[in-house]
């Protein structure tokens, strides 16, 4: 009989914006604002991401769709790749993600897709310092201490190293 293992993801839940640190709520607000710049004419699903850099700067990204689906790109990757290209030596402290449907003002609790989790994990591993993940949730704001918590069975450079 196989042995069962349990994989967990732990996060802190802040019930409201008053409970959450101002840095987190500010970043989440920037992600919400970024949703307005998303280009999502096919899905009508607007996603915004906001990254807090160690130097205090906040960089945003949005999902960008394309008629040649799936040629578009998610908000998380547009933001993190921009940081990688323009601030290659500046550490990323945190990322917040928000989403809403077209024509609606209510923001949804969404988490990054698998491709974004992998891309974010690459940057976390590259900088050798955790990146906090801030997400909206039906019960408040979820804060994960690191991207690795969202991807417990990681694929990394260690998987492709030659023996």
N, C-alpha and C. Protein backbone atom coordinates (compact mmCIF):
# COMPACT_ATOMS: atom_id res chain seq x y z
N UNK A 1 0.84 -1.17 0.00
CA UNK A 1 0.00 0.00 0.00
C UNK A 1 0.89 1.25 0.00
N UNK A 2 0.57 2.22 -0.87
CA UNK A 2 1.41 3.43 -0.92
C UNK A 2 1.24 4.29 0.32
N UNK A 3 2.27 5.02 0.61
CA UNK A 3 2.22 5.98 1.71
C UNK A 3 1.65 7.28 1.19
N UNK A 4 0.75 7.86 1.92
CA UNK A 4 0.16 9.13 1.52
C UNK A 4 0.98 10.28 2.11
N UNK A 5 1.25 11.27 1.28
CA UNK A 5 1.92 12.47 1.77
C UNK A 5 0.97 13.64 1.60
N UNK A 6 1.14 14.64 2.40
CA UNK A 6 0.29 15.82 2.34
C UNK A 6 1.14 17.01 1.93
N UNK A 7 0.71 17.70 0.90
CA UNK A 7 1.37 18.93 0.46
C UNK A 7 0.48 20.09 0.87
N UNK A 8 1.06 21.10 1.47
CA UNK A 8 0.28 22.22 1.98
C UNK A 8 0.80 23.55 1.46
N UNK A 9 -0.12 24.47 1.42
CA UNK A 9 0.24 25.86 1.16
C UNK A 9 -0.29 26.66 2.33
N UNK A 10 0.56 27.39 2.99
CA UNK A 10 0.15 28.21 4.14
C UNK A 10 0.15 29.67 3.75
N UNK A 11 -0.89 30.38 4.20
CA UNK A 11 -0.99 31.81 3.94
C UNK A 11 -1.58 32.49 5.15
N UNK A 12 -1.31 33.78 5.27
CA UNK A 12 -1.94 34.59 6.30
C UNK A 12 -3.18 35.23 5.70
N UNK A 13 -4.29 35.19 6.43
CA UNK A 13 -5.53 35.79 5.98
C UNK A 13 -5.81 37.03 6.81
N UNK A 14 -5.90 38.16 6.14
CA UNK A 14 -6.30 39.41 6.78
C UNK A 14 -7.76 39.62 6.41
N UNK A 15 -8.61 39.73 7.41
CA UNK A 15 -10.06 39.80 7.17
C UNK A 15 -10.51 41.08 6.45
N UNK A 16 -9.72 42.14 6.56
CA UNK A 16 -10.07 43.38 5.88
C UNK A 16 -8.81 44.21 5.68
N UNK A 17 -8.96 45.30 4.96
CA UNK A 17 -7.80 46.14 4.65
C UNK A 17 -7.23 46.82 5.88
N UNK A 18 -8.05 47.01 6.91
CA UNK A 18 -7.56 47.63 8.14
C UNK A 18 -6.59 46.70 8.88
N UNK A 19 -6.80 45.40 8.76
CA UNK A 19 -5.93 44.42 9.41
C UNK A 19 -4.61 44.24 8.67
N UNK A 20 -4.65 44.36 7.36
CA UNK A 20 -3.48 44.08 6.53
C UNK A 20 -2.49 45.24 6.59
N UNK A 21 -1.20 44.93 6.49
CA UNK A 21 -0.20 46.01 6.43
C UNK A 21 -0.48 46.93 5.24
N UNK A 22 -0.24 48.21 5.43
CA UNK A 22 -0.52 49.21 4.40
C UNK A 22 0.21 48.89 3.09
N UNK A 23 1.42 48.38 3.19
CA UNK A 23 2.20 48.02 2.01
C UNK A 23 1.45 47.01 1.14
N UNK A 24 0.76 46.06 1.76
CA UNK A 24 0.02 45.03 1.02
C UNK A 24 -1.24 45.61 0.38
N UNK A 25 -1.96 46.43 1.14
CA UNK A 25 -3.20 46.98 0.58
C UNK A 25 -2.89 47.97 -0.55
N UNK A 26 -1.80 48.71 -0.40
CA UNK A 26 -1.40 49.65 -1.47
C UNK A 26 -1.05 48.88 -2.74
N UNK A 27 -0.34 47.77 -2.59
CA UNK A 27 0.04 46.97 -3.75
C UNK A 27 -1.19 46.33 -4.40
N UNK A 28 -2.12 45.87 -3.59
CA UNK A 28 -3.34 45.28 -4.12
C UNK A 28 -4.18 46.33 -4.85
N UNK A 29 -4.22 47.53 -4.33
CA UNK A 29 -4.93 48.62 -5.00
C UNK A 29 -4.30 48.91 -6.36
N UNK A 30 -2.97 48.90 -6.43
CA UNK A 30 -2.27 49.12 -7.71
C UNK A 30 -2.61 48.01 -8.71
N UNK A 31 -2.72 46.78 -8.22
CA UNK A 31 -3.10 45.66 -9.10
C UNK A 31 -4.52 45.85 -9.62
N UNK A 32 -5.42 46.31 -8.74
CA UNK A 32 -6.80 46.57 -9.15
C UNK A 32 -6.84 47.66 -10.21
N UNK A 33 -6.09 48.72 -10.00
CA UNK A 33 -6.05 49.83 -10.96
C UNK A 33 -5.48 49.36 -12.30
N UNK A 34 -4.51 48.47 -12.25
CA UNK A 34 -3.89 47.96 -13.47
C UNK A 34 -4.90 47.21 -14.33
N UNK A 35 -5.90 46.60 -13.71
CA UNK A 35 -6.93 45.88 -14.48
C UNK A 35 -7.54 46.75 -15.57
N UNK A 36 -7.61 48.04 -15.32
CA UNK A 36 -8.21 48.96 -16.30
C UNK A 36 -7.41 49.04 -17.59
N UNK A 37 -6.14 48.66 -17.57
CA UNK A 37 -5.29 48.73 -18.76
C UNK A 37 -5.16 47.39 -19.47
N UNK A 38 -5.84 46.37 -18.96
CA UNK A 38 -5.74 45.05 -19.58
C UNK A 38 -6.32 45.08 -20.99
N UNK A 39 -5.76 44.25 -21.84
CA UNK A 39 -6.29 44.10 -23.20
C UNK A 39 -6.89 42.69 -23.26
N UNK A 40 -8.20 42.61 -23.06
CA UNK A 40 -8.86 41.31 -22.96
C UNK A 40 -10.16 41.28 -23.77
N UNK A 41 -10.07 41.53 -25.09
CA UNK A 41 -11.29 41.58 -25.89
C UNK A 41 -11.93 40.21 -26.14
N UNK A 42 -11.24 39.14 -25.86
CA UNK A 42 -11.75 37.80 -26.13
C UNK A 42 -12.33 37.14 -24.89
N UNK A 43 -11.63 37.22 -23.78
CA UNK A 43 -12.12 36.61 -22.54
C UNK A 43 -12.96 37.57 -21.71
N UNK A 44 -12.76 38.88 -21.91
CA UNK A 44 -13.40 39.90 -21.07
C UNK A 44 -13.08 39.68 -19.60
N UNK A 45 -11.91 39.15 -19.35
CA UNK A 45 -11.43 38.89 -18.00
C UNK A 45 -10.17 39.72 -17.81
N UNK A 46 -10.26 40.76 -17.00
CA UNK A 46 -9.20 41.74 -16.84
C UNK A 46 -8.37 41.41 -15.59
N UNK A 47 -7.08 41.24 -15.80
CA UNK A 47 -6.18 40.89 -14.69
C UNK A 47 -5.08 41.94 -14.59
N UNK A 48 -4.79 42.33 -13.35
CA UNK A 48 -3.72 43.27 -13.09
C UNK A 48 -2.77 42.70 -12.05
N UNK A 49 -1.51 43.00 -12.20
CA UNK A 49 -0.49 42.58 -11.24
C UNK A 49 0.35 43.80 -10.88
N UNK A 50 0.80 43.83 -9.64
CA UNK A 50 1.67 44.92 -9.19
C UNK A 50 2.81 44.31 -8.39
N UNK A 51 4.04 44.66 -8.78
CA UNK A 51 5.23 44.16 -8.11
C UNK A 51 5.88 45.27 -7.32
N UNK A 52 6.22 44.97 -6.08
CA UNK A 52 6.95 45.91 -5.24
C UNK A 52 8.42 45.53 -5.28
N UNK A 53 9.24 46.46 -5.74
CA UNK A 53 10.68 46.22 -5.82
C UNK A 53 11.35 46.66 -4.52
N UNK A 54 12.53 46.14 -4.29
CA UNK A 54 13.27 46.46 -3.07
C UNK A 54 13.60 47.96 -2.98
N UNK A 55 13.69 48.62 -4.12
CA UNK A 55 13.98 50.06 -4.11
C UNK A 55 12.72 50.91 -3.88
N UNK A 56 11.57 50.25 -3.62
CA UNK A 56 10.33 50.94 -3.33
C UNK A 56 9.45 51.20 -4.53
N UNK A 57 9.97 50.99 -5.73
CA UNK A 57 9.19 51.22 -6.93
C UNK A 57 8.14 50.13 -7.10
N UNK A 58 7.00 50.50 -7.67
CA UNK A 58 5.94 49.54 -7.97
C UNK A 58 5.78 49.48 -9.48
N UNK A 59 5.85 48.28 -10.02
CA UNK A 59 5.71 48.03 -11.45
C UNK A 59 4.43 47.23 -11.66
N UNK A 60 3.62 47.64 -12.64
CA UNK A 60 2.38 46.92 -12.90
C UNK A 60 2.43 46.21 -14.24
N UNK A 61 1.55 45.24 -14.37
CA UNK A 61 1.39 44.51 -15.62
C UNK A 61 -0.06 44.10 -15.77
N UNK A 62 -0.47 43.84 -16.99
CA UNK A 62 -1.84 43.41 -17.26
C UNK A 62 -1.83 42.27 -18.26
N UNK A 63 -2.94 41.52 -18.29
CA UNK A 63 -3.03 40.47 -19.30
C UNK A 63 -3.21 41.11 -20.67
N UNK A 64 -2.58 40.51 -21.65
CA UNK A 64 -2.59 41.00 -23.02
C UNK A 64 -2.98 39.84 -23.94
N UNK A 65 -4.20 39.89 -24.48
CA UNK A 65 -4.70 38.80 -25.32
C UNK A 65 -4.38 39.04 -26.79
N UNK A 66 -4.63 38.03 -27.58
CA UNK A 66 -4.32 38.09 -29.00
C UNK A 66 -5.29 37.18 -29.73
N UNK A 67 -5.71 37.58 -30.92
CA UNK A 67 -6.62 36.75 -31.72
C UNK A 67 -5.98 35.41 -32.05
N UNK A 68 -4.67 35.37 -32.10
CA UNK A 68 -3.96 34.11 -32.35
C UNK A 68 -3.74 33.40 -31.02
N UNK A 69 -4.87 33.17 -30.31
CA UNK A 69 -4.82 32.52 -29.00
C UNK A 69 -4.05 31.22 -29.10
N UNK A 70 -3.14 30.91 -28.20
CA UNK A 70 -2.87 31.51 -26.90
C UNK A 70 -1.63 32.40 -26.91
N UNK A 71 -1.49 33.23 -27.90
CA UNK A 71 -0.31 34.08 -28.00
C UNK A 71 -0.25 35.21 -26.98
N UNK A 72 -1.29 35.41 -26.22
CA UNK A 72 -1.30 36.47 -25.22
C UNK A 72 -0.41 36.14 -24.04
N UNK A 73 -0.43 37.02 -23.07
CA UNK A 73 0.41 36.84 -21.88
C UNK A 73 -0.35 37.33 -20.66
N UNK A 74 -0.14 36.64 -19.55
CA UNK A 74 -0.80 36.97 -18.29
C UNK A 74 -0.18 38.22 -17.65
N UNK A 75 -0.94 38.84 -16.77
CA UNK A 75 -0.49 40.06 -16.08
C UNK A 75 0.78 39.84 -15.27
N UNK A 76 0.84 38.71 -14.58
CA UNK A 76 1.99 38.44 -13.73
C UNK A 76 3.28 38.37 -14.54
N UNK A 77 3.21 37.72 -15.70
CA UNK A 77 4.42 37.59 -16.52
C UNK A 77 4.77 38.87 -17.25
N UNK A 78 3.78 39.67 -17.67
CA UNK A 78 4.14 40.95 -18.31
C UNK A 78 4.89 41.82 -17.31
N UNK A 79 4.46 41.80 -16.05
CA UNK A 79 5.12 42.62 -15.03
C UNK A 79 6.50 42.09 -14.68
N UNK A 80 6.60 40.80 -14.42
CA UNK A 80 7.89 40.27 -13.94
C UNK A 80 8.94 40.26 -15.05
N UNK A 81 8.52 40.03 -16.29
CA UNK A 81 9.49 40.06 -17.39
C UNK A 81 9.97 41.49 -17.65
N UNK A 82 9.07 42.46 -17.47
CA UNK A 82 9.48 43.86 -17.62
C UNK A 82 10.51 44.21 -16.56
N UNK A 83 10.27 43.77 -15.33
CA UNK A 83 11.24 44.01 -14.26
C UNK A 83 12.56 43.33 -14.59
N UNK A 84 12.50 42.09 -15.06
CA UNK A 84 13.72 41.36 -15.41
C UNK A 84 14.53 42.06 -16.49
N UNK A 85 13.83 42.68 -17.44
CA UNK A 85 14.52 43.36 -18.54
C UNK A 85 15.03 44.75 -18.14
N UNK A 86 14.31 45.43 -17.26
CA UNK A 86 14.64 46.82 -16.94
C UNK A 86 15.30 47.03 -15.58
N UNK A 87 15.13 46.08 -14.68
CA UNK A 87 15.72 46.16 -13.34
C UNK A 87 16.34 44.80 -12.98
N UNK A 88 17.25 44.30 -13.78
CA UNK A 88 17.75 42.94 -13.57
C UNK A 88 18.44 42.70 -12.23
N UNK A 89 18.91 43.75 -11.59
CA UNK A 89 19.63 43.58 -10.33
C UNK A 89 18.87 44.09 -9.11
N UNK A 90 17.59 44.41 -9.30
CA UNK A 90 16.77 44.88 -8.18
C UNK A 90 15.87 43.73 -7.74
N UNK A 91 15.89 43.45 -6.45
CA UNK A 91 15.08 42.36 -5.91
C UNK A 91 13.60 42.72 -5.89
N UNK A 92 12.77 41.69 -6.06
CA UNK A 92 11.32 41.83 -5.99
C UNK A 92 10.90 41.41 -4.58
N UNK A 93 10.18 42.29 -3.89
CA UNK A 93 9.73 41.98 -2.53
C UNK A 93 8.37 41.28 -2.52
N UNK A 94 7.45 41.73 -3.38
CA UNK A 94 6.10 41.19 -3.32
C UNK A 94 5.39 41.41 -4.65
N UNK A 95 4.35 40.61 -4.87
CA UNK A 95 3.48 40.78 -6.02
C UNK A 95 2.04 40.63 -5.56
N UNK A 96 1.17 41.49 -6.07
CA UNK A 96 -0.27 41.40 -5.81
C UNK A 96 -0.97 41.17 -7.14
N UNK A 97 -2.03 40.38 -7.11
CA UNK A 97 -2.79 40.07 -8.32
C UNK A 97 -4.27 40.31 -8.05
N UNK A 98 -4.94 40.91 -9.03
CA UNK A 98 -6.36 41.16 -8.94
C UNK A 98 -7.01 40.93 -10.30
N UNK A 99 -8.30 40.67 -10.30
CA UNK A 99 -9.01 40.43 -11.56
C UNK A 99 -10.47 40.84 -11.42
N UNK A 100 -11.08 41.11 -12.57
CA UNK A 100 -12.51 41.40 -12.62
C UNK A 100 -13.01 41.09 -14.02
N UNK A 101 -14.31 40.90 -14.12
CA UNK A 101 -14.93 40.70 -15.42
C UNK A 101 -15.23 42.06 -16.05
N UNK A 102 -15.26 42.12 -17.36
CA UNK A 102 -15.56 43.36 -18.08
C UNK A 102 -16.90 43.91 -17.61
N UNK A 103 -16.94 45.22 -17.42
CA UNK A 103 -18.17 45.87 -17.04
C UNK A 103 -18.56 45.73 -15.58
N UNK A 104 -17.74 45.06 -14.81
CA UNK A 104 -18.03 44.89 -13.38
C UNK A 104 -16.98 45.59 -12.54
N UNK A 105 -17.37 46.01 -11.36
CA UNK A 105 -16.45 46.69 -10.46
C UNK A 105 -15.97 45.80 -9.33
N UNK A 106 -16.57 44.63 -9.19
CA UNK A 106 -16.18 43.71 -8.12
C UNK A 106 -14.93 42.94 -8.53
N UNK A 107 -13.93 42.97 -7.66
CA UNK A 107 -12.71 42.23 -7.93
C UNK A 107 -12.82 40.82 -7.40
N UNK A 108 -12.17 39.91 -8.08
CA UNK A 108 -12.30 38.48 -7.79
C UNK A 108 -11.05 37.95 -7.10
N UNK A 109 -11.25 36.93 -6.34
CA UNK A 109 -10.12 36.23 -5.74
C UNK A 109 -9.58 35.21 -6.72
N UNK A 110 -8.47 35.53 -7.36
CA UNK A 110 -7.85 34.61 -8.31
C UNK A 110 -6.39 34.40 -7.92
N UNK A 111 -5.86 33.28 -8.34
CA UNK A 111 -4.44 33.02 -8.11
C UNK A 111 -3.77 32.81 -9.47
N UNK A 112 -2.47 32.95 -9.53
CA UNK A 112 -1.76 32.82 -10.80
C UNK A 112 -1.92 31.43 -11.42
N UNK A 113 -1.94 31.40 -12.75
CA UNK A 113 -1.99 30.12 -13.46
C UNK A 113 -0.65 29.39 -13.25
N UNK A 114 -0.59 28.16 -13.69
CA UNK A 114 0.63 27.37 -13.52
C UNK A 114 1.84 27.97 -14.21
N UNK A 115 1.66 28.51 -15.41
CA UNK A 115 2.79 29.11 -16.12
C UNK A 115 3.33 30.32 -15.36
N UNK A 116 2.43 31.12 -14.81
CA UNK A 116 2.87 32.30 -14.04
C UNK A 116 3.54 31.88 -12.75
N UNK A 117 3.00 30.87 -12.09
CA UNK A 117 3.64 30.38 -10.86
C UNK A 117 5.07 29.94 -11.15
N UNK A 118 5.26 29.24 -12.26
CA UNK A 118 6.59 28.76 -12.61
C UNK A 118 7.52 29.94 -12.93
N UNK A 119 7.02 30.93 -13.68
CA UNK A 119 7.85 32.10 -14.01
C UNK A 119 8.21 32.89 -12.76
N UNK A 120 7.24 33.08 -11.87
CA UNK A 120 7.51 33.80 -10.62
C UNK A 120 8.50 33.04 -9.75
N UNK A 121 8.37 31.72 -9.71
CA UNK A 121 9.29 30.89 -8.94
C UNK A 121 10.71 31.02 -9.48
N UNK A 122 10.85 31.12 -10.79
CA UNK A 122 12.18 31.28 -11.40
C UNK A 122 12.86 32.53 -10.87
N UNK A 123 12.10 33.64 -10.79
CA UNK A 123 12.68 34.89 -10.29
C UNK A 123 12.96 34.80 -8.80
N UNK A 124 12.09 34.13 -8.05
CA UNK A 124 12.33 33.96 -6.62
C UNK A 124 13.61 33.15 -6.40
N UNK A 125 13.78 32.07 -7.15
CA UNK A 125 15.00 31.26 -7.04
C UNK A 125 16.22 32.04 -7.50
N UNK A 126 16.08 32.82 -8.57
CA UNK A 126 17.19 33.62 -9.10
C UNK A 126 17.69 34.62 -8.07
N UNK A 127 16.77 35.28 -7.38
CA UNK A 127 17.20 36.30 -6.43
C UNK A 127 17.52 35.73 -5.05
N UNK A 128 17.24 34.44 -4.85
CA UNK A 128 17.56 33.75 -3.59
C UNK A 128 16.95 34.46 -2.37
N UNK A 129 15.77 35.02 -2.60
CA UNK A 129 15.04 35.70 -1.53
C UNK A 129 13.55 35.58 -1.85
N UNK A 130 12.73 35.29 -0.84
CA UNK A 130 11.30 35.09 -1.09
C UNK A 130 10.60 36.31 -1.67
N UNK A 131 9.59 36.03 -2.48
CA UNK A 131 8.70 37.05 -3.02
C UNK A 131 7.33 36.77 -2.41
N UNK A 132 6.80 37.72 -1.67
CA UNK A 132 5.47 37.55 -1.08
C UNK A 132 4.41 37.61 -2.18
N UNK A 133 3.36 36.81 -2.04
CA UNK A 133 2.24 36.80 -2.98
C UNK A 133 1.00 37.29 -2.24
N UNK A 134 0.38 38.34 -2.77
CA UNK A 134 -0.80 38.95 -2.15
C UNK A 134 -1.98 38.76 -3.09
N UNK A 135 -3.02 38.11 -2.57
CA UNK A 135 -4.18 37.78 -3.38
C UNK A 135 -5.47 38.19 -2.68
N UNK A 136 -6.43 38.60 -3.49
CA UNK A 136 -7.76 38.84 -2.93
C UNK A 136 -8.40 37.49 -2.66
N UNK A 137 -9.27 37.47 -1.66
CA UNK A 137 -9.93 36.24 -1.27
C UNK A 137 -11.34 36.61 -0.82
N UNK A 138 -12.25 35.68 -0.94
CA UNK A 138 -13.64 35.95 -0.54
C UNK A 138 -13.73 36.43 0.90
N UNK A 139 -12.79 36.02 1.74
CA UNK A 139 -12.83 36.38 3.15
C UNK A 139 -11.83 37.48 3.52
N UNK A 140 -11.15 38.06 2.55
CA UNK A 140 -10.19 39.12 2.86
C UNK A 140 -9.01 39.13 1.92
N UNK A 141 -7.81 39.24 2.48
CA UNK A 141 -6.58 39.29 1.71
C UNK A 141 -5.68 38.14 2.16
N UNK A 142 -5.25 37.33 1.20
CA UNK A 142 -4.32 36.23 1.50
C UNK A 142 -2.91 36.67 1.19
N UNK A 143 -1.98 36.37 2.09
CA UNK A 143 -0.57 36.69 1.85
C UNK A 143 0.25 35.43 2.07
N UNK A 144 0.89 34.99 0.99
CA UNK A 144 1.81 33.86 1.05
C UNK A 144 3.21 34.41 1.26
N UNK A 145 4.00 33.75 2.07
CA UNK A 145 5.36 34.22 2.36
C UNK A 145 6.29 34.11 1.18
N UNK A 146 6.00 33.18 0.27
CA UNK A 146 6.87 33.01 -0.90
C UNK A 146 6.10 32.33 -2.02
N UNK A 147 6.62 32.47 -3.23
CA UNK A 147 6.01 31.85 -4.40
C UNK A 147 6.08 30.33 -4.29
N UNK A 148 7.14 29.81 -3.70
CA UNK A 148 7.30 28.36 -3.57
C UNK A 148 6.11 27.73 -2.85
N UNK A 149 5.45 28.49 -1.97
CA UNK A 149 4.28 27.96 -1.28
C UNK A 149 3.13 27.66 -2.25
N UNK A 150 3.11 28.34 -3.39
CA UNK A 150 2.06 28.11 -4.38
C UNK A 150 2.41 26.98 -5.35
N UNK A 151 3.63 26.51 -5.27
CA UNK A 151 4.09 25.49 -6.20
C UNK A 151 4.94 24.47 -5.44
N UNK A 152 4.28 23.64 -4.61
CA UNK A 152 5.04 22.75 -3.72
C UNK A 152 5.90 21.71 -4.45
N UNK A 153 5.50 21.29 -5.62
CA UNK A 153 6.33 20.36 -6.40
C UNK A 153 6.99 21.15 -7.52
N UNK A 154 8.06 21.79 -7.17
CA UNK A 154 8.71 22.73 -8.07
C UNK A 154 9.52 22.03 -9.17
N UNK A 155 9.58 22.70 -10.30
CA UNK A 155 10.52 22.34 -11.35
C UNK A 155 11.51 23.49 -11.39
N UNK A 156 12.79 23.18 -11.20
CA UNK A 156 13.79 24.25 -11.16
C UNK A 156 15.05 23.81 -11.90
N UNK A 157 16.06 24.66 -11.82
CA UNK A 157 17.33 24.35 -12.48
C UNK A 157 17.93 23.05 -11.94
N UNK A 158 17.60 22.69 -10.74
CA UNK A 158 18.14 21.45 -10.15
C UNK A 158 17.62 20.22 -10.89
N UNK A 159 16.43 20.34 -11.51
CA UNK A 159 15.88 19.23 -12.26
C UNK A 159 16.59 19.01 -13.60
N UNK A 160 17.24 20.02 -14.11
CA UNK A 160 17.86 19.88 -15.43
C UNK A 160 19.38 19.83 -15.38
N UNK A 161 19.94 19.88 -14.17
CA UNK A 161 21.38 19.78 -14.04
C UNK A 161 21.86 18.39 -14.44
N UNK A 162 23.00 18.33 -15.07
CA UNK A 162 23.58 17.03 -15.43
C UNK A 162 24.19 16.41 -14.18
N UNK A 163 24.06 15.07 -14.06
CA UNK A 163 24.63 14.40 -12.88
C UNK A 163 26.15 14.46 -12.86
